[in-house]
Amino acid sequence: MIKSFDISMLDKITNDELYLTWMSCTDFNALNNEDNREHFNCVWGAIKKQLTPFFQNQDITLDIIANDLREFVININPTLSFGYDAERNVLLFNLWSLLFDVTVTNTVMPCMPWKLAAEIVHEHDHYLFLESMGMIGKNAKEQDEFSENNWVKIETRAYVTESKFLQKCKDEISSTLIHEFRITGWSLDGRPFPDSFYKCQTVSKQKIIAEIDHAIAECSNQIEKIKKKYNYQEAAKNNDISHSSDRAKILSLPINLKDLKAPFAEIKLKI
């Protein structure tokens, strides 16, 4: 259903997600203040609740991942959507990628939980392999040298694990109500000005399963590319930059991606 969009049509969590996204662009360090940490805790609590069903009947649980990694780091590094830092033993999330997916209609929607769960499982598999090789906590130089010699095995097994996880996710799928929208600008205090386009629809179980099947096929596609030893890391970086640019444009974020340089400010949260 497409109709005139008012921001009140979105639930509190999505409005909190939009506010945090705006704040990340205007004053990232302010995300660490008490009020914004409360917003984060509410948002992450809601996301975890959505993730939980997809870890049923799996070989891994969210509790095990939380015990292994304990916390995750959020930043707005446009070159990395999701990752794992073995030196610090933390998951890495780009805030915009954590909260929003880009759709084929050039809108955004809250990130689909099965997709986020699969990303987390993929990165956790990196931890499992690196931990088995005694690499957790090693410095950046040692990590780079190890990755240079083992990246094919690291990524191949992570995609295999992700694919198996996604296959079982299909058993937990049900029809889902989604909201697609665009933002045209922001007030000085972080209130979004919505585009007139707004789409609210129930996506059928069959359609979501088809999307998961596509994601599984993409895992196989990536494995084949990795076997040919193409420049996987550069391709992944370029893909993440493109996704960051899309989100920034659709959400009209008050930031120039070219101005974002390392080191990136961060916020840490418990898994």
C-alpha atoms as a PDB file:
ATOM      1  CA  MET A   1       0.000   0.000   0.000  1.00  0.00           C
ATOM      2  CA  ILE A   2       1.445   3.395  -1.024  1.00  0.00           C
ATOM      3  CA  LYS A   3       0.193   6.544   0.662  1.00  0.00           C
ATOM      4  CA  SER A   4       1.227   9.921   2.002  1.00  0.00           C
ATOM      5  CA  PHE A   5       3.824   9.380   4.702  1.00  0.00           C
ATOM      6  CA  ASP A   6       3.857  10.846   8.192  1.00  0.00           C
ATOM      7  CA  ILE A   7       6.718   9.921  10.511  1.00  0.00           C
ATOM      8  CA  SER A   8       4.202   8.946  13.220  1.00  0.00           C
ATOM      9  CA  MET A   9       3.325   5.917  11.075  1.00  0.00           C
ATOM     10  CA  LEU A  10       6.589   4.298  12.180  1.00  0.00           C
ATOM     11  CA  ASP A  11       6.950   2.572  15.541  1.00  0.00           C
ATOM     12  CA  LYS A  12       9.055   3.978  18.373  1.00  0.00           C
ATOM     13  CA  ILE A  13      12.012   1.690  17.689  1.00  0.00           C
ATOM     14  CA  THR A  14      12.265   2.760  14.035  1.00  0.00           C
ATOM     15  CA  ASN A  15      12.021   6.411  15.088  1.00  0.00           C
ATOM     16  CA  ASP A  16      14.792   5.782  17.630  1.00  0.00           C
ATOM     17  CA  GLU A  17      16.865   4.161  14.871  1.00  0.00           C
ATOM     18  CA  LEU A  18      16.402   7.203  12.654  1.00  0.00           C
ATOM     19  CA  TYR A  19      17.404   9.536  15.488  1.00  0.00           C
ATOM     20  CA  LEU A  20      20.560   7.535  16.262  1.00  0.00           C
ATOM     21  CA  THR A  21      21.446   7.518  12.571  1.00  0.00           C
ATOM     22  CA  TRP A  22      21.085  11.306  12.397  1.00  0.00           C
ATOM     23  CA  MET A  23      23.107  11.759  15.604  1.00  0.00           C
ATOM     24  CA  SER A  24      25.903   9.559  14.233  1.00  0.00           C
ATOM     25  CA  CYS A  25      26.376  12.134  11.463  1.00  0.00           C
ATOM     26  CA  THR A  26      26.100  15.325  13.504  1.00  0.00           C
ATOM     27  CA  ASP A  27      27.904  14.401  16.740  1.00  0.00           C
ATOM     28  CA  PHE A  28      28.939  10.754  16.926  1.00  0.00           C
ATOM     29  CA  ASN A  29      30.537  11.096  20.366  1.00  0.00           C
ATOM     30  CA  ALA A  30      27.186  12.278  21.757  1.00  0.00           C
ATOM     31  CA  LEU A  31      25.914   8.735  21.179  1.00  0.00           C
ATOM     32  CA  ASN A  32      27.784   7.834  24.356  1.00  0.00           C
ATOM     33  CA  ASN A  33      25.759  10.144  26.595  1.00  0.00           C
ATOM     34  CA  GLU A  34      23.234   8.618  28.979  1.00  0.00           C
ATOM     35  CA  ASP A  35      20.072   9.451  27.022  1.00  0.00           C
ATOM     36  CA  ASN A  36      21.427   8.155  23.724  1.00  0.00           C
ATOM     37  CA  ARG A  37      22.808   5.016  25.363  1.00  0.00           C
ATOM     38  CA  GLU A  38      19.269   4.375  26.567  1.00  0.00           C
ATOM     39  CA  HIS A  39      18.036   4.721  22.964  1.00  0.00           C
ATOM     40  CA  PHE A  40      20.731   2.256  21.886  1.00  0.00           C
ATOM     41  CA  ASN A  41      19.828  -0.247  24.582  1.00  0.00           C
ATOM     42  CA  CYS A  42      16.153  -0.125  23.583  1.00  0.00           C
ATOM     43  CA  VAL A  43      16.979  -0.523  19.891  1.00  0.00           C
ATOM     44  CA  TRP A  44      19.437  -3.374  20.437  1.00  0.00           C
ATOM     45  CA  GLY A  45      17.012  -5.090  22.825  1.00  0.00           C
ATOM     46  CA  ALA A  46      14.317  -4.992  20.126  1.00  0.00           C
ATOM     47  CA  ILE A  47      16.741  -6.265  17.478  1.00  0.00           C
ATOM     48  CA  LYS A  48      17.874  -9.154  19.698  1.00  0.00           C
ATOM     49  CA  LYS A  49      14.252 -10.120  20.267  1.00  0.00           C
ATOM     50  CA  GLN A  50      13.775 -10.302  16.492  1.00  0.00           C
ATOM     51  CA  LEU A  51      16.993 -12.298  16.040  1.00  0.00           C
ATOM     52  CA  THR A  52      16.236 -14.923  18.689  1.00  0.00           C
ATOM     53  CA  PRO A  53      13.799 -17.131  16.682  1.00  0.00           C
ATOM     54  CA  PHE A  54      16.378 -17.604  13.921  1.00  0.00           C
ATOM     55  CA  PHE A  55      18.828 -19.172  16.361  1.00  0.00           C
ATOM     56  CA  GLN A  56      16.386 -21.936  17.280  1.00  0.00           C
ATOM     57  CA  ASN A  57      17.414 -25.422  16.118  1.00  0.00           C
ATOM     58  CA  GLN A  58      20.779 -24.083  14.943  1.00  0.00           C
ATOM     59  CA  ASP A  59      24.304 -25.305  15.608  1.00  0.00           C
ATOM     60  CA  ILE A  60      25.062 -21.953  17.257  1.00  0.00           C
ATOM     61  CA  THR A  61      23.087 -19.762  19.656  1.00  0.00           C
ATOM     62  CA  LEU A  62      23.138 -16.041  20.281  1.00  0.00           C
ATOM     63  CA  ASP A  63      24.163 -16.761  23.890  1.00  0.00           C
ATOM     64  CA  ILE A  64      27.237 -18.675  22.706  1.00  0.00           C
ATOM     65  CA  ILE A  65      28.190 -15.812  20.391  1.00  0.00           C
ATOM     66  CA  ALA A  66      27.703 -13.319  23.227  1.00  0.00           C
ATOM     67  CA  ASN A  67      29.893 -15.451  25.515  1.00  0.00           C
ATOM     68  CA  ASP A  68      32.653 -15.692  22.882  1.00  0.00           C
ATOM     69  CA  LEU A  69      32.655 -12.040  21.832  1.00  0.00           C
ATOM     70  CA  ARG A  70      30.819 -10.232  24.664  1.00  0.00           C
ATOM     71  CA  GLU A  71      30.519  -6.877  22.893  1.00  0.00           C
ATOM     72  CA  PHE A  72      30.324  -5.210  19.528  1.00  0.00           C
ATOM     73  CA  VAL A  73      31.670  -1.931  18.225  1.00  0.00           C
ATOM     74  CA  ILE A  74      29.558   0.506  16.220  1.00  0.00           C
ATOM     75  CA  ASN A  75      30.980   3.174  13.937  1.00  0.00           C
ATOM     76  CA  ILE A  76      30.153   4.808  10.610  1.00  0.00           C
ATOM     77  CA  ASN A  77      33.140   3.540   8.652  1.00  0.00           C
ATOM     78  CA  PRO A  78      31.703   3.572   5.100  1.00  0.00           C
ATOM     79  CA  THR A  79      34.159   0.895   3.911  1.00  0.00           C
ATOM     80  CA  LEU A  80      32.883  -1.843   6.257  1.00  0.00           C
ATOM     81  CA  SER A  81      29.276  -2.903   6.832  1.00  0.00           C
ATOM     82  CA  PHE A  82      30.002  -5.829   9.159  1.00  0.00           C
ATOM     83  CA  GLY A  83      33.269  -7.310  10.348  1.00  0.00           C
ATOM     84  CA  TYR A  84      35.293  -8.956  13.087  1.00  0.00           C
ATOM     85  CA  ASP A  85      38.370  -7.509  14.804  1.00  0.00           C
ATOM     86  CA  ALA A  86      40.463 -10.411  16.137  1.00  0.00           C
ATOM     87  CA  GLU A  87      42.973  -8.124  17.846  1.00  0.00           C
ATOM     88  CA  ARG A  88      40.226  -6.743  20.124  1.00  0.00           C
ATOM     89  CA  ASN A  89      37.886  -9.748  19.758  1.00  0.00           C
ATOM     90  CA  VAL A  90      34.834  -7.658  18.892  1.00  0.00           C
ATOM     91  CA  LEU A  91      32.205  -7.602  16.171  1.00  0.00           C
ATOM     92  CA  LEU A  92      32.223  -4.469  14.021  1.00  0.00           C
ATOM     93  CA  PHE A  93      28.991  -2.910  12.759  1.00  0.00           C
ATOM     94  CA  ASN A  94      28.434   0.094  10.575  1.00  0.00           C
ATOM     95  CA  LEU A  95      25.486   1.701  12.360  1.00  0.00           C
ATOM     96  CA  TRP A  96      23.536   2.447   9.170  1.00  0.00           C
ATOM     97  CA  SER A  97      23.930  -1.147   7.922  1.00  0.00           C
ATOM     98  CA  LEU A  98      22.914  -2.531  11.306  1.00  0.00           C
ATOM     99  CA  LEU A  99      19.671  -0.562  11.308  1.00  0.00           C
ATOM    100  CA  PHE A 100      18.533  -0.274   7.688  1.00  0.00           C
ATOM    101  CA  ASP A 101      18.370  -2.252   4.456  1.00  0.00           C
ATOM    102  CA  VAL A 102      18.183  -0.625   1.031  1.00  0.00           C
ATOM    103  CA  THR A 103      15.351  -1.909  -1.162  1.00  0.00           C
ATOM    104  CA  VAL A 104      15.066  -2.319  -4.930  1.00  0.00           C
ATOM    105  CA  THR A 105      12.650   0.643  -4.968  1.00  0.00           C
ATOM    106  CA  ASN A 106      15.377   2.982  -3.702  1.00  0.00           C
ATOM    107  CA  THR A 107      13.911   3.199  -0.207  1.00  0.00           C
ATOM    108  CA  VAL A 108      15.064   1.944   3.181  1.00  0.00           C
ATOM    109  CA  MET A 109      13.432  -0.436   5.603  1.00  0.00           C
ATOM    110  CA  PRO A 110      14.471  -1.750   9.030  1.00  0.00           C
ATOM    111  CA  CYS A 111      17.089  -4.476   8.586  1.00  0.00           C
ATOM    112  CA  MET A 112      15.590  -7.941   8.126  1.00  0.00           C
ATOM    113  CA  PRO A 113      16.493 -10.019  11.211  1.00  0.00           C
ATOM    114  CA  TRP A 114      17.354 -13.211   9.297  1.00  0.00           C
ATOM    115  CA  LYS A 115      19.852 -11.247   7.235  1.00  0.00           C
ATOM    116  CA  LEU A 116      21.466  -9.630  10.273  1.00  0.00           C
ATOM    117  CA  ALA A 117      21.588 -12.992  12.082  1.00  0.00           C
ATOM    118  CA  ALA A 118      23.417 -14.522   9.113  1.00  0.00           C
ATOM    119  CA  GLU A 119      25.952 -11.659   9.102  1.00  0.00           C
ATOM    120  CA  ILE A 120      26.639 -12.219  12.806  1.00  0.00           C
ATOM    121  CA  VAL A 121      27.064 -15.979  12.299  1.00  0.00           C
ATOM    122  CA  HIS A 122      29.456 -15.345   9.385  1.00  0.00           C
ATOM    123  CA  GLU A 123      31.648 -13.051  11.484  1.00  0.00           C
ATOM    124  CA  HIS A 124      31.495 -15.376  14.502  1.00  0.00           C
ATOM    125  CA  ASP A 125      32.828 -18.170  12.296  1.00  0.00           C
ATOM    126  CA  HIS A 126      35.899 -15.998  11.699  1.00  0.00           C
ATOM    127  CA  TYR A 127      36.332 -15.913  15.466  1.00  0.00           C
ATOM    128  CA  LEU A 128      36.023 -19.704  15.744  1.00  0.00           C
ATOM    129  CA  PHE A 129      38.697 -20.308  13.121  1.00  0.00           C
ATOM    130  CA  LEU A 130      41.090 -17.644  14.384  1.00  0.00           C
ATOM    131  CA  GLU A 131      40.629 -18.806  17.967  1.00  0.00           C
ATOM    132  CA  SER A 132      41.501 -22.364  16.923  1.00  0.00           C
ATOM    133  CA  MET A 133      44.692 -21.017  15.342  1.00  0.00           C
ATOM    134  CA  GLY A 134      45.677 -18.999  18.427  1.00  0.00           C
ATOM    135  CA  MET A 135      45.242 -15.655  16.659  1.00  0.00           C
ATOM    136  CA  ILE A 136      42.861 -13.871  19.057  1.00  0.00           C
ATOM    137  CA  GLY A 137      44.583 -10.824  20.532  1.00  0.00           C
ATOM    138  CA  LYS A 138      47.519 -10.857  18.129  1.00  0.00           C
ATOM    139  CA  ASN A 139      48.578  -7.434  16.865  1.00  0.00           C
ATOM    140  CA  ALA A 140      47.466  -5.948  13.552  1.00  0.00           C
ATOM    141  CA  LYS A 141      50.662  -6.890  11.721  1.00  0.00           C
ATOM    142  CA  GLU A 142      50.370 -10.545  12.758  1.00  0.00           C
ATOM    143  CA  GLN A 143      46.675 -10.552  11.841  1.00  0.00           C
ATOM    144  CA  ASP A 144      47.420  -9.141   8.379  1.00  0.00           C
ATOM    145  CA  GLU A 145      50.164 -11.692   7.731  1.00  0.00           C
ATOM    146  CA  PHE A 146      47.924 -14.563   8.832  1.00  0.00           C
ATOM    147  CA  SER A 147      45.019 -13.303   6.750  1.00  0.00           C
ATOM    148  CA  GLU A 148      47.232 -12.938   3.696  1.00  0.00           C
ATOM    149  CA  ASN A 149      48.084 -16.636   3.856  1.00  0.00           C
ATOM    150  CA  ASN A 150      44.708 -17.988   5.003  1.00  0.00           C
ATOM    151  CA  TRP A 151      41.963 -15.672   3.734  1.00  0.00           C
ATOM    152  CA  VAL A 152      40.632 -18.223   1.214  1.00  0.00           C
ATOM    153  CA  LYS A 153      40.020 -20.792   3.952  1.00  0.00           C
ATOM    154  CA  ILE A 154      38.721 -18.153   6.408  1.00  0.00           C
ATOM    155  CA  GLU A 155      36.092 -16.786   4.044  1.00  0.00           C
ATOM    156  CA  THR A 156      35.142 -20.104   2.432  1.00  0.00           C
ATOM    157  CA  ARG A 157      34.271 -21.785   5.701  1.00  0.00           C
ATOM    158  CA  ALA A 158      32.404 -18.658   6.905  1.00  0.00           C
ATOM    159  CA  TYR A 159      30.216 -18.666   3.787  1.00  0.00           C
ATOM    160  CA  VAL A 160      29.552 -22.407   4.201  1.00  0.00           C
ATOM    161  CA  THR A 161      28.517 -21.794   7.823  1.00  0.00           C
ATOM    162  CA  GLU A 162      26.344 -18.835   6.811  1.00  0.00           C
ATOM    163  CA  SER A 163      24.649 -20.876   4.082  1.00  0.00           C
ATOM    164  CA  LYS A 164      23.802 -23.729   6.476  1.00  0.00           C
ATOM    165  CA  PHE A 165      22.455 -21.213   8.987  1.00  0.00           C
ATOM    166  CA  LEU A 166      20.256 -19.536   6.370  1.00  0.00           C
ATOM    167  CA  GLN A 167      18.871 -22.898   5.264  1.00  0.00           C
ATOM    168  CA  LYS A 168      17.579 -23.562   8.783  1.00  0.00           C
ATOM    169  CA  CYS A 169      16.289 -19.985   9.090  1.00  0.00           C
ATOM    170  CA  LYS A 170      13.620 -20.828   6.539  1.00  0.00           C
ATOM    171  CA  ASP A 171      11.884 -23.007   9.134  1.00  0.00           C
ATOM    172  CA  GLU A 172      11.284 -19.932  11.321  1.00  0.00           C
ATOM    173  CA  ILE A 173       9.937 -17.579   8.650  1.00  0.00           C
ATOM    174  CA  SER A 174       6.437 -16.133   8.810  1.00  0.00           C
ATOM    175  CA  SER A 175       4.702 -13.351   6.913  1.00  0.00           C
ATOM    176  CA  THR A 176       6.153  -9.982   7.955  1.00  0.00           C
ATOM    177  CA  LEU A 177       4.861  -6.414   7.921  1.00  0.00           C
ATOM    178  CA  ILE A 178       7.467  -4.032   6.521  1.00  0.00           C
ATOM    179  CA  HIS A 179       7.692  -0.269   6.086  1.00  0.00           C
ATOM    180  CA  GLU A 180       9.618   1.294   3.212  1.00  0.00           C
ATOM    181  CA  PHE A 181      10.336   5.021   3.175  1.00  0.00           C
ATOM    182  CA  ARG A 182      12.703   7.842   2.260  1.00  0.00           C
ATOM    183  CA  ILE A 183      13.843  10.901   4.211  1.00  0.00           C
ATOM    184  CA  THR A 184      14.276  14.287   2.525  1.00  0.00           C
ATOM    185  CA  GLY A 185      15.926  16.219   5.364  1.00  0.00           C
ATOM    186  CA  TRP A 186      16.283  16.766   9.102  1.00  0.00           C
ATOM    187  CA  SER A 187      15.429  19.416  11.657  1.00  0.00           C
ATOM    188  CA  LEU A 188      18.184  20.870  13.832  1.00  0.00           C
ATOM    189  CA  ASP A 189      17.133  18.569  16.677  1.00  0.00           C
ATOM    190  CA  GLY A 190      17.065  15.386  14.595  1.00  0.00           C
ATOM    191  CA  ARG A 191      13.452  15.090  13.485  1.00  0.00           C
ATOM    192  CA  PRO A 192      13.277  13.505  10.003  1.00  0.00           C
ATOM    193  CA  PHE A 193      11.303  15.085   7.167  1.00  0.00           C
ATOM    194  CA  PRO A 194       9.756  12.220   5.224  1.00  0.00           C
ATOM    195  CA  ASP A 195       9.353  11.896   1.486  1.00  0.00           C
ATOM    196  CA  SER A 196       5.751  11.567   0.326  1.00  0.00           C
ATOM    197  CA  PHE A 197       6.473   7.965  -0.673  1.00  0.00           C
ATOM    198  CA  TYR A 198       5.573   5.394   1.957  1.00  0.00           C
ATOM    199  CA  LYS A 199       4.919   1.715   1.473  1.00  0.00           C
ATOM    200  CA  CYS A 200       3.522  -0.573   4.138  1.00  0.00           C
ATOM    201  CA  GLN A 201       2.929  -4.150   3.142  1.00  0.00           C
ATOM    202  CA  THR A 202       2.841  -7.680   4.446  1.00  0.00           C
ATOM    203  CA  VAL A 203       5.535  -9.757   2.776  1.00  0.00           C
ATOM    204  CA  SER A 204       4.516 -13.374   2.427  1.00  0.00           C
ATOM    205  CA  LYS A 205       6.436 -16.290   3.889  1.00  0.00           C
ATOM    206  CA  GLN A 206       7.066 -17.600   0.367  1.00  0.00           C
ATOM    207  CA  LYS A 207       8.630 -14.330  -0.773  1.00  0.00           C
ATOM    208  CA  ILE A 208      10.942 -14.116   2.246  1.00  0.00           C
ATOM    209  CA  ILE A 209      12.012 -17.733   1.725  1.00  0.00           C
ATOM    210  CA  ALA A 210      12.782 -16.858  -1.903  1.00  0.00           C
ATOM    211  CA  GLU A 211      14.970 -13.990  -0.641  1.00  0.00           C
ATOM    212  CA  ILE A 212      16.778 -16.385   1.697  1.00  0.00           C
ATOM    213  CA  ASP A 213      17.298 -18.844  -1.162  1.00  0.00           C
ATOM    214  CA  HIS A 214      18.840 -15.978  -3.135  1.00  0.00           C
ATOM    215  CA  ALA A 215      21.151 -15.217  -0.194  1.00  0.00           C
ATOM    216  CA  ILE A 216      22.169 -18.891  -0.019  1.00  0.00           C
ATOM    217  CA  ALA A 217      22.922 -18.865  -3.748  1.00  0.00           C
ATOM    218  CA  GLU A 218      25.010 -15.728  -3.235  1.00  0.00           C
ATOM    219  CA  CYS A 219      27.059 -17.560  -0.575  1.00  0.00           C
ATOM    220  CA  SER A 220      27.837 -20.257  -3.159  1.00  0.00           C
ATOM    221  CA  ASN A 221      28.668 -17.571  -5.716  1.00  0.00           C
ATOM    222  CA  GLN A 222      31.103 -15.921  -3.316  1.00  0.00           C
ATOM    223  CA  ILE A 223      32.781 -19.263  -2.570  1.00  0.00           C
ATOM    224  CA  GLU A 224      33.363 -19.857  -6.281  1.00  0.00           C
ATOM    225  CA  LYS A 225      34.866 -16.381  -6.663  1.00  0.00           C
ATOM    226  CA  ILE A 226      37.101 -16.938  -3.641  1.00  0.00           C
ATOM    227  CA  LYS A 227      38.371 -20.218  -5.088  1.00  0.00           C
ATOM    228  CA  LYS A 228      39.495 -18.241  -8.140  1.00  0.00           C
ATOM    229  CA  LYS A 229      41.334 -15.921  -5.728  1.00  0.00           C
ATOM    230  CA  TYR A 230      39.796 -12.768  -7.127  1.00  0.00           C
ATOM    231  CA  ASN A 231      40.368  -9.556  -5.174  1.00  0.00           C
ATOM    232  CA  TYR A 232      37.697 -10.398  -2.599  1.00  0.00           C
ATOM    233  CA  GLN A 233      38.688  -7.824  -0.003  1.00  0.00           C
ATOM    234  CA  GLU A 234      38.760  -4.942  -2.474  1.00  0.00           C
ATOM    235  CA  ALA A 235      35.408  -6.031  -3.945  1.00  0.00           C
ATOM    236  CA  ALA A 236      33.863  -6.256  -0.468  1.00  0.00           C
ATOM    237  CA  LYS A 237      35.186  -2.793   0.410  1.00  0.00           C
ATOM    238  CA  ASN A 238      33.775  -1.256  -2.767  1.00  0.00           C
ATOM    239  CA  ASN A 239      30.428  -2.976  -2.170  1.00  0.00           C
ATOM    240  CA  ASP A 240      30.247  -1.620   1.377  1.00  0.00           C
ATOM    241  CA  ILE A 241      31.114   1.903   0.203  1.00  0.00           C
ATOM    242  CA  SER A 242      28.306   1.683  -2.346  1.00  0.00           C
ATOM    243  CA  HIS A 243      25.832   0.526   0.318  1.00  0.00           C
ATOM    244  CA  SER A 244      26.878   3.330   2.686  1.00  0.00           C
ATOM    245  CA  SER A 245      26.437   5.856  -0.110  1.00  0.00           C
ATOM    246  CA  ASP A 246      22.954   4.493  -0.900  1.00  0.00           C
ATOM    247  CA  ARG A 247      21.816   4.720   2.725  1.00  0.00           C
ATOM    248  CA  ALA A 248      23.247   8.212   3.138  1.00  0.00           C
ATOM    249  CA  LYS A 249      21.445   9.391   0.009  1.00  0.00           C
ATOM    250  CA  ILE A 250      18.052   7.787   0.725  1.00  0.00           C
ATOM    251  CA  LEU A 251      18.094   8.997   4.332  1.00  0.00           C
ATOM    252  CA  SER A 252      19.452  12.449   3.318  1.00  0.00           C
ATOM    253  CA  LEU A 253      22.085  12.140   6.029  1.00  0.00           C
ATOM    254  CA  PRO A 254      23.846  15.423   6.846  1.00  0.00           C
ATOM    255  CA  ILE A 255      27.332  14.131   6.083  1.00  0.00           C
ATOM    256  CA  ASN A 256      29.826  13.867   3.225  1.00  0.00           C
ATOM    257  CA  LEU A 257      31.241  10.332   3.049  1.00  0.00           C
ATOM    258  CA  LYS A 258      34.486  11.702   1.640  1.00  0.00           C
ATOM    259  CA  ASP A 259      35.020  13.516   4.943  1.00  0.00           C
ATOM    260  CA  LEU A 260      34.946  10.271   6.927  1.00  0.00           C
ATOM    261  CA  LYS A 261      38.506   9.220   7.718  1.00  0.00           C
ATOM    262  CA  ALA A 262      40.113   6.690  10.045  1.00  0.00           C
ATOM    263  CA  PRO A 263      40.354   6.438  12.988  1.00  0.00           C
ATOM    264  CA  PHE A 264      36.576   6.306  13.339  1.00  0.00           C
ATOM    265  CA  ALA A 265      34.828   7.225  16.553  1.00  0.00           C
ATOM    266  CA  GLU A 266      33.186   4.194  18.162  1.00  0.00           C
ATOM    267  CA  ILE A 267      30.605   3.131  20.657  1.00  0.00           C
ATOM    268  CA  LYS A 268      30.678  -0.270  22.402  1.00  0.00           C
ATOM    269  CA  LEU A 269      27.622  -2.296  23.403  1.00  0.00           C
ATOM    270  CA  LYS A 270      27.199  -5.652  25.063  1.00  0.00           C
ATOM    271  CA  ILE A 271      25.887  -8.430  22.810  1.00  0.00           C
END
